[in-house]
Amino acid sequence: MFSREESKKLRQEFWTSFGKEFPHKWLLYNTKMKEIQLKFSFTRKFAMVSLDIDDDDELIRAYYFEKMKSLEKILKSEHLPEAILDEFHELPEGKIISRIYTKIDGVSIHNKKDWPEVKNFLATNMLQLEEFFNDFADFIKN
């Protein structure tokens, strides 16, 4: 069991080392669409790369999700074969978003032995997700 401070230090160490090993300017929140963000997640239980569609207006969220759904075959055949499309994903705080993601379970940010595998997973899959997003950004926007 780690104290809150120890856990914080490990998280900082992981993300700092990830940035040094993979010095790429990640797209993340700079999608030019306020409703869509690309995200990295690494917890004590899993690592995940996701495209989150987050808007309080259900119609807007549904609109973007339907566009993504129409691209599902291309996404899975050319970019992320393991992608999961979740139209009604509930966040821990109870908020509903739409999420397209891929993840690995059974890894922990507290276990440094998991870090090499997770770093490669995050970088490889985010590059694929960014490529997919950039290829279809105009279609998604309009």
N, C-alpha and C. Protein backbone atom coordinates (compact mmCIF):
# COMPACT_ATOMS: atom_id res chain seq x y z
N MET A 1 0.84 -1.18 0.00
CA MET A 1 0.00 0.00 0.00
C MET A 1 0.89 1.25 0.00
N PHE A 2 0.55 2.19 -0.83
CA PHE A 2 1.32 3.41 -0.95
C PHE A 2 0.58 4.57 -0.31
N SER A 3 1.33 5.48 0.31
CA SER A 3 0.71 6.69 0.83
C SER A 3 0.31 7.56 -0.36
N ARG A 4 -0.53 8.52 -0.11
CA ARG A 4 -0.97 9.43 -1.16
C ARG A 4 0.24 10.12 -1.80
N GLU A 5 1.18 10.54 -0.97
CA GLU A 5 2.37 11.24 -1.46
C GLU A 5 3.24 10.30 -2.30
N GLU A 6 3.44 9.06 -1.85
CA GLU A 6 4.22 8.08 -2.62
C GLU A 6 3.55 7.79 -3.97
N SER A 7 2.24 7.66 -3.95
CA SER A 7 1.49 7.41 -5.18
C SER A 7 1.65 8.58 -6.15
N LYS A 8 1.55 9.79 -5.63
CA LYS A 8 1.71 10.98 -6.46
C LYS A 8 3.09 11.02 -7.10
N LYS A 9 4.13 10.70 -6.31
CA LYS A 9 5.51 10.69 -6.83
C LYS A 9 5.67 9.65 -7.93
N LEU A 10 5.10 8.47 -7.74
CA LEU A 10 5.19 7.42 -8.77
C LEU A 10 4.50 7.86 -10.06
N ARG A 11 3.32 8.47 -9.93
CA ARG A 11 2.61 8.94 -11.12
C ARG A 11 3.44 9.99 -11.85
N GLN A 12 4.00 10.94 -11.10
CA GLN A 12 4.83 11.97 -11.72
C GLN A 12 6.05 11.35 -12.40
N GLU A 13 6.68 10.39 -11.72
CA GLU A 13 7.85 9.73 -12.29
C GLU A 13 7.49 8.99 -13.58
N PHE A 14 6.35 8.30 -13.57
CA PHE A 14 5.95 7.59 -14.77
C PHE A 14 5.75 8.55 -15.93
N TRP A 15 4.95 9.59 -15.74
CA TRP A 15 4.61 10.50 -16.85
C TRP A 15 5.83 11.29 -17.31
N THR A 16 6.73 11.63 -16.40
CA THR A 16 7.97 12.31 -16.79
C THR A 16 8.83 11.38 -17.64
N SER A 17 8.97 10.14 -17.20
CA SER A 17 9.80 9.20 -17.97
C SER A 17 9.13 8.86 -19.31
N PHE A 18 7.81 8.79 -19.33
CA PHE A 18 7.11 8.55 -20.59
C PHE A 18 7.39 9.68 -21.57
N GLY A 19 7.30 10.92 -21.10
CA GLY A 19 7.55 12.07 -21.96
C GLY A 19 8.97 12.10 -22.50
N LYS A 20 9.93 11.64 -21.70
CA LYS A 20 11.32 11.61 -22.15
C LYS A 20 11.55 10.50 -23.16
N GLU A 21 10.92 9.35 -22.95
CA GLU A 21 11.10 8.23 -23.87
C GLU A 21 10.33 8.41 -25.18
N PHE A 22 9.22 9.12 -25.11
CA PHE A 22 8.37 9.34 -26.29
C PHE A 22 8.12 10.84 -26.43
N PRO A 23 9.15 11.59 -26.87
CA PRO A 23 9.03 13.04 -26.95
C PRO A 23 8.24 13.47 -28.18
N HIS A 24 6.97 13.25 -28.13
CA HIS A 24 6.06 13.55 -29.24
C HIS A 24 5.08 14.62 -28.75
N LYS A 25 4.73 15.55 -29.60
CA LYS A 25 3.72 16.55 -29.22
C LYS A 25 2.35 15.90 -29.46
N TRP A 26 1.80 15.34 -28.39
CA TRP A 26 0.53 14.63 -28.48
C TRP A 26 -0.63 15.59 -28.72
N LEU A 27 -1.59 15.17 -29.48
CA LEU A 27 -2.76 15.98 -29.82
C LEU A 27 -3.63 16.25 -28.59
N LEU A 28 -4.03 15.22 -27.89
CA LEU A 28 -4.81 15.26 -26.66
C LEU A 28 -5.97 16.25 -26.71
N TYR A 29 -5.86 17.40 -26.04
CA TYR A 29 -6.97 18.35 -25.97
C TYR A 29 -6.99 19.33 -27.14
N ASN A 30 -5.99 19.29 -28.00
CA ASN A 30 -5.87 20.24 -29.11
C ASN A 30 -6.54 19.73 -30.39
N THR A 31 -7.73 19.17 -30.26
CA THR A 31 -8.43 18.61 -31.41
C THR A 31 -9.15 19.68 -32.23
N LYS A 32 -9.25 20.89 -31.71
CA LYS A 32 -10.00 21.99 -32.33
C LYS A 32 -11.50 21.72 -32.33
N MET A 33 -11.92 20.75 -31.51
CA MET A 33 -13.33 20.45 -31.27
C MET A 33 -13.48 20.33 -29.76
N LYS A 34 -14.18 21.27 -29.16
CA LYS A 34 -14.24 21.28 -27.69
C LYS A 34 -14.90 20.04 -27.11
N GLU A 35 -15.68 19.34 -27.91
CA GLU A 35 -16.38 18.15 -27.41
C GLU A 35 -15.52 16.88 -27.46
N ILE A 36 -14.38 16.93 -28.13
CA ILE A 36 -13.57 15.73 -28.35
C ILE A 36 -12.15 15.92 -27.82
N GLN A 37 -11.72 14.97 -26.99
CA GLN A 37 -10.36 14.96 -26.47
C GLN A 37 -9.80 13.55 -26.59
N LEU A 38 -8.50 13.49 -26.82
CA LEU A 38 -7.79 12.22 -26.78
C LEU A 38 -7.10 12.15 -25.43
N LYS A 39 -7.13 10.98 -24.79
CA LYS A 39 -6.61 10.90 -23.42
C LYS A 39 -5.79 9.63 -23.19
N PHE A 40 -4.78 9.81 -22.33
CA PHE A 40 -4.03 8.70 -21.76
C PHE A 40 -4.57 8.47 -20.35
N SER A 41 -4.65 7.21 -19.93
CA SER A 41 -4.98 6.89 -18.54
C SER A 41 -4.11 5.72 -18.12
N PHE A 42 -3.60 5.80 -16.91
CA PHE A 42 -2.84 4.70 -16.32
C PHE A 42 -3.12 4.73 -14.83
N THR A 43 -3.74 3.69 -14.32
CA THR A 43 -4.16 3.63 -12.93
C THR A 43 -3.51 2.42 -12.26
N ARG A 44 -4.04 2.06 -11.11
CA ARG A 44 -3.55 0.87 -10.42
C ARG A 44 -4.16 -0.40 -10.99
N LYS A 45 -5.07 -0.27 -11.97
CA LYS A 45 -5.76 -1.44 -12.51
C LYS A 45 -5.64 -1.62 -14.02
N PHE A 46 -5.42 -0.52 -14.75
CA PHE A 46 -5.40 -0.61 -16.21
C PHE A 46 -4.66 0.57 -16.82
N ALA A 47 -4.35 0.42 -18.12
CA ALA A 47 -3.82 1.52 -18.94
C ALA A 47 -4.76 1.64 -20.14
N MET A 48 -5.03 2.88 -20.54
CA MET A 48 -6.02 3.10 -21.60
C MET A 48 -5.65 4.32 -22.44
N VAL A 49 -5.99 4.22 -23.71
CA VAL A 49 -5.93 5.33 -24.65
C VAL A 49 -7.37 5.51 -25.12
N SER A 50 -7.86 6.76 -25.08
CA SER A 50 -9.26 6.96 -25.45
C SER A 50 -9.49 8.24 -26.23
N LEU A 51 -10.57 8.23 -26.98
CA LEU A 51 -11.13 9.41 -27.60
C LEU A 51 -12.45 9.62 -26.88
N ASP A 52 -12.55 10.72 -26.16
CA ASP A 52 -13.74 11.00 -25.37
C ASP A 52 -14.58 12.07 -26.04
N ILE A 53 -15.87 11.81 -26.14
CA ILE A 53 -16.83 12.78 -26.64
C ILE A 53 -17.62 13.23 -25.42
N ASP A 54 -17.39 14.48 -25.05
CA ASP A 54 -17.93 14.98 -23.79
C ASP A 54 -18.69 16.28 -24.03
N ASP A 55 -20.00 16.19 -23.97
CA ASP A 55 -20.84 17.38 -24.07
C ASP A 55 -22.09 17.15 -23.24
N ASP A 56 -22.54 18.17 -22.55
CA ASP A 56 -23.74 18.04 -21.73
C ASP A 56 -24.99 17.83 -22.58
N ASP A 57 -24.93 18.27 -23.82
CA ASP A 57 -26.07 18.10 -24.73
C ASP A 57 -26.00 16.69 -25.34
N GLU A 58 -26.96 15.87 -25.00
CA GLU A 58 -26.98 14.48 -25.49
C GLU A 58 -27.02 14.40 -27.01
N LEU A 59 -27.70 15.34 -27.65
CA LEU A 59 -27.80 15.33 -29.11
C LEU A 59 -26.45 15.57 -29.77
N ILE A 60 -25.67 16.48 -29.21
CA ILE A 60 -24.34 16.75 -29.77
C ILE A 60 -23.45 15.53 -29.57
N ARG A 61 -23.49 14.97 -28.38
CA ARG A 61 -22.69 13.77 -28.11
C ARG A 61 -23.09 12.64 -29.06
N ALA A 62 -24.38 12.44 -29.24
CA ALA A 62 -24.88 11.38 -30.13
C ALA A 62 -24.46 11.65 -31.59
N TYR A 63 -24.49 12.91 -31.98
CA TYR A 63 -24.10 13.28 -33.34
C TYR A 63 -22.66 12.87 -33.62
N TYR A 64 -21.74 13.24 -32.72
CA TYR A 64 -20.33 12.88 -32.90
C TYR A 64 -20.12 11.37 -32.80
N PHE A 65 -20.84 10.73 -31.89
CA PHE A 65 -20.66 9.29 -31.74
C PHE A 65 -21.11 8.55 -33.01
N GLU A 66 -22.21 8.99 -33.60
CA GLU A 66 -22.69 8.36 -34.84
C GLU A 66 -21.66 8.52 -35.96
N LYS A 67 -21.01 9.67 -36.02
CA LYS A 67 -19.96 9.86 -37.03
C LYS A 67 -18.82 8.87 -36.79
N MET A 68 -18.43 8.70 -35.52
CA MET A 68 -17.37 7.75 -35.18
C MET A 68 -17.82 6.33 -35.51
N LYS A 69 -19.05 6.02 -35.19
CA LYS A 69 -19.59 4.68 -35.45
C LYS A 69 -19.54 4.37 -36.95
N SER A 70 -19.81 5.38 -37.77
CA SER A 70 -19.78 5.17 -39.23
C SER A 70 -18.36 4.87 -39.72
N LEU A 71 -17.35 5.21 -38.91
CA LEU A 71 -15.95 4.97 -39.28
C LEU A 71 -15.36 3.74 -38.57
N GLU A 72 -16.22 2.99 -37.88
CA GLU A 72 -15.74 1.89 -37.05
C GLU A 72 -14.92 0.86 -37.83
N LYS A 73 -15.37 0.48 -39.02
CA LYS A 73 -14.64 -0.54 -39.79
C LYS A 73 -13.23 -0.06 -40.14
N ILE A 74 -13.12 1.21 -40.53
CA ILE A 74 -11.80 1.76 -40.87
C ILE A 74 -10.94 1.84 -39.61
N LEU A 75 -11.52 2.33 -38.52
CA LEU A 75 -10.79 2.43 -37.26
C LEU A 75 -10.20 1.08 -36.87
N LYS A 76 -11.04 0.03 -36.93
CA LYS A 76 -10.58 -1.29 -36.49
C LYS A 76 -9.67 -1.98 -37.50
N SER A 77 -9.89 -1.77 -38.78
CA SER A 77 -9.07 -2.47 -39.76
C SER A 77 -7.72 -1.79 -40.01
N GLU A 78 -7.67 -0.45 -39.85
CA GLU A 78 -6.44 0.26 -40.20
C GLU A 78 -5.70 0.88 -39.02
N HIS A 79 -6.35 0.97 -37.86
CA HIS A 79 -5.72 1.71 -36.75
C HIS A 79 -5.73 0.94 -35.43
N LEU A 80 -6.89 0.70 -34.87
CA LEU A 80 -7.01 0.08 -33.55
C LEU A 80 -7.95 -1.13 -33.62
N PRO A 81 -7.43 -2.31 -33.94
CA PRO A 81 -8.28 -3.49 -34.07
C PRO A 81 -9.05 -3.82 -32.79
N GLU A 82 -8.49 -3.47 -31.64
CA GLU A 82 -9.12 -3.79 -30.35
C GLU A 82 -10.04 -2.69 -29.84
N ALA A 83 -10.30 -1.67 -30.64
CA ALA A 83 -11.08 -0.52 -30.18
C ALA A 83 -12.48 -0.93 -29.71
N ILE A 84 -12.90 -0.31 -28.63
CA ILE A 84 -14.25 -0.51 -28.09
C ILE A 84 -14.98 0.82 -28.21
N LEU A 85 -16.17 0.78 -28.78
CA LEU A 85 -16.99 1.97 -28.91
C LEU A 85 -18.10 1.90 -27.87
N ASP A 86 -18.10 2.83 -26.95
CA ASP A 86 -19.03 2.84 -25.83
C ASP A 86 -19.80 4.16 -25.86
N GLU A 87 -21.04 4.09 -26.35
CA GLU A 87 -21.83 5.31 -26.50
C GLU A 87 -22.22 5.93 -25.17
N PHE A 88 -22.44 5.11 -24.17
CA PHE A 88 -22.88 5.62 -22.86
C PHE A 88 -21.91 5.15 -21.77
N HIS A 89 -20.75 5.76 -21.74
CA HIS A 89 -19.73 5.41 -20.76
C HIS A 89 -19.91 6.27 -19.52
N GLU A 90 -20.02 5.62 -18.37
CA GLU A 90 -20.20 6.36 -17.12
C GLU A 90 -18.85 6.55 -16.43
N LEU A 91 -18.51 7.80 -16.19
CA LEU A 91 -17.29 8.14 -15.48
C LEU A 91 -17.49 7.90 -13.98
N PRO A 92 -16.40 7.77 -13.22
CA PRO A 92 -16.55 7.51 -11.78
C PRO A 92 -17.45 8.50 -11.04
N GLU A 93 -17.49 9.75 -11.51
CA GLU A 93 -18.32 10.75 -10.84
C GLU A 93 -19.78 10.71 -11.31
N GLY A 94 -20.10 9.76 -12.20
CA GLY A 94 -21.48 9.58 -12.64
C GLY A 94 -21.83 10.26 -13.95
N LYS A 95 -20.94 11.05 -14.49
CA LYS A 95 -21.20 11.74 -15.76
C LYS A 95 -21.16 10.74 -16.91
N ILE A 96 -22.05 10.91 -17.89
CA ILE A 96 -22.08 10.05 -19.07
C ILE A 96 -21.39 10.75 -20.23
N ILE A 97 -20.45 10.04 -20.84
CA ILE A 97 -19.77 10.51 -22.05
C ILE A 97 -19.83 9.36 -23.06
N SER A 98 -19.39 9.63 -24.28
CA SER A 98 -19.16 8.57 -25.25
C SER A 98 -17.66 8.40 -25.35
N ARG A 99 -17.22 7.15 -25.44
CA ARG A 99 -15.78 6.88 -25.41
C ARG A 99 -15.44 5.78 -26.41
N ILE A 100 -14.36 6.02 -27.13
CA ILE A 100 -13.76 5.02 -28.01
C ILE A 100 -12.39 4.76 -27.41
N TYR A 101 -12.11 3.50 -27.10
CA TYR A 101 -10.88 3.24 -26.37
C TYR A 101 -10.33 1.85 -26.61
N THR A 102 -9.09 1.71 -26.20
CA THR A 102 -8.44 0.42 -26.10
C THR A 102 -7.67 0.43 -24.79
N LYS A 103 -7.64 -0.72 -24.11
CA LYS A 103 -6.97 -0.74 -22.82
C LYS A 103 -6.38 -2.11 -22.53
N ILE A 104 -5.46 -2.11 -21.57
CA ILE A 104 -4.93 -3.36 -21.05
C ILE A 104 -5.22 -3.38 -19.55
N ASP A 105 -5.72 -4.49 -19.10
CA ASP A 105 -6.02 -4.68 -17.68
C ASP A 105 -4.86 -5.39 -17.00
N GLY A 106 -4.87 -5.34 -15.68
CA GLY A 106 -3.88 -6.09 -14.91
C GLY A 106 -2.52 -5.44 -14.84
N VAL A 107 -2.44 -4.16 -15.13
CA VAL A 107 -1.19 -3.42 -14.97
C VAL A 107 -1.43 -2.33 -13.93
N SER A 108 -0.36 -1.88 -13.30
CA SER A 108 -0.49 -0.87 -12.24
C SER A 108 0.60 0.18 -12.35
N ILE A 109 0.19 1.41 -12.21
CA ILE A 109 1.16 2.50 -12.21
C ILE A 109 2.10 2.40 -11.02
N HIS A 110 1.71 1.65 -10.00
CA HIS A 110 2.55 1.46 -8.81
C HIS A 110 3.59 0.36 -9.01
N ASN A 111 3.51 -0.40 -10.10
CA ASN A 111 4.44 -1.48 -10.35
C ASN A 111 5.37 -1.10 -11.52
N LYS A 112 6.59 -0.73 -11.19
CA LYS A 112 7.53 -0.28 -12.22
C LYS A 112 7.83 -1.35 -13.26
N LYS A 113 7.61 -2.62 -12.91
CA LYS A 113 7.83 -3.69 -13.88
C LYS A 113 6.82 -3.60 -15.04
N ASP A 114 5.67 -3.00 -14.80
CA ASP A 114 4.66 -2.83 -15.84
C ASP A 114 4.95 -1.64 -16.77
N TRP A 115 5.79 -0.74 -16.33
CA TRP A 115 5.99 0.51 -17.06
C TRP A 115 6.46 0.34 -18.50
N PRO A 116 7.46 -0.49 -18.81
CA PRO A 116 7.88 -0.60 -20.21
C PRO A 116 6.74 -1.05 -21.13
N GLU A 117 5.99 -2.05 -20.71
CA GLU A 117 4.86 -2.53 -21.51
C GLU A 117 3.82 -1.43 -21.70
N VAL A 118 3.51 -0.73 -20.62
CA VAL A 118 2.48 0.31 -20.68
C VAL A 118 2.93 1.49 -21.53
N LYS A 119 4.17 1.89 -21.40
CA LYS A 119 4.67 3.00 -22.22
C LYS A 119 4.54 2.68 -23.71
N ASN A 120 4.94 1.47 -24.08
CA ASN A 120 4.82 1.06 -25.49
C ASN A 120 3.36 1.00 -25.92
N PHE A 121 2.51 0.46 -25.07
CA PHE A 121 1.07 0.39 -25.36
C PHE A 121 0.50 1.79 -25.57
N LEU A 122 0.78 2.69 -24.63
CA LEU A 122 0.23 4.05 -24.73
C LEU A 122 0.71 4.76 -25.99
N ALA A 123 2.01 4.74 -26.23
CA ALA A 123 2.57 5.45 -27.38
C ALA A 123 2.06 4.88 -28.69
N THR A 124 2.12 3.57 -28.83
CA THR A 124 1.70 2.92 -30.07
C THR A 124 0.23 3.19 -30.37
N ASN A 125 -0.61 3.02 -29.37
CA ASN A 125 -2.05 3.17 -29.60
C ASN A 125 -2.47 4.62 -29.74
N MET A 126 -1.81 5.54 -29.04
CA MET A 126 -2.16 6.96 -29.21
C MET A 126 -1.74 7.45 -30.58
N LEU A 127 -0.59 6.99 -31.06
CA LEU A 127 -0.18 7.37 -32.42
C LEU A 127 -1.23 6.91 -33.43
N GLN A 128 -1.72 5.70 -33.26
CA GLN A 128 -2.76 5.18 -34.16
C GLN A 128 -4.06 5.98 -34.03
N LEU A 129 -4.44 6.31 -32.81
CA LEU A 129 -5.67 7.08 -32.59
C LEU A 129 -5.53 8.49 -33.16
N GLU A 130 -4.37 9.11 -32.98
CA GLU A 130 -4.14 10.43 -33.56
C GLU A 130 -4.19 10.38 -35.08
N GLU A 131 -3.58 9.36 -35.65
CA GLU A 131 -3.59 9.23 -37.11
C GLU A 131 -5.02 9.09 -37.62
N PHE A 132 -5.79 8.24 -36.98
CA PHE A 132 -7.20 8.08 -37.34
C PHE A 132 -7.93 9.41 -37.22
N PHE A 133 -7.77 10.09 -36.09
CA PHE A 133 -8.47 11.35 -35.88
C PHE A 133 -8.08 12.38 -36.93
N ASN A 134 -6.78 12.51 -37.19
CA ASN A 134 -6.31 13.49 -38.19
C ASN A 134 -6.82 13.17 -39.59
N ASP A 135 -6.87 11.89 -39.92
CA ASP A 135 -7.37 11.49 -41.25
C ASP A 135 -8.83 11.87 -41.44
N PHE A 136 -9.61 11.84 -40.37
CA PHE A 136 -11.06 12.05 -40.50
C PHE A 136 -11.58 13.28 -39.76
N ALA A 137 -10.69 14.17 -39.34
CA ALA A 137 -11.12 15.35 -38.57
C ALA A 137 -12.11 16.21 -39.35
N ASP A 138 -11.88 16.42 -40.64
CA ASP A 138 -12.81 17.24 -41.42
C ASP A 138 -14.18 16.60 -41.49
N PHE A 139 -14.23 15.30 -41.68
CA PHE A 139 -15.52 14.58 -41.71
C PHE A 139 -16.21 14.68 -40.36
N ILE A 140 -15.46 14.52 -39.29
CA ILE A 140 -16.03 14.55 -37.94
C ILE A 140 -16.59 15.95 -37.62
N LYS A 141 -15.85 16.98 -37.99
CA LYS A 141 -16.27 18.36 -37.73
C LYS A 141 -17.54 18.75 -38.48
N ASN A 142 -17.62 18.36 -39.75
CA ASN A 142 -18.71 18.86 -40.61
C ASN A 142 -19.86 17.88 -40.72
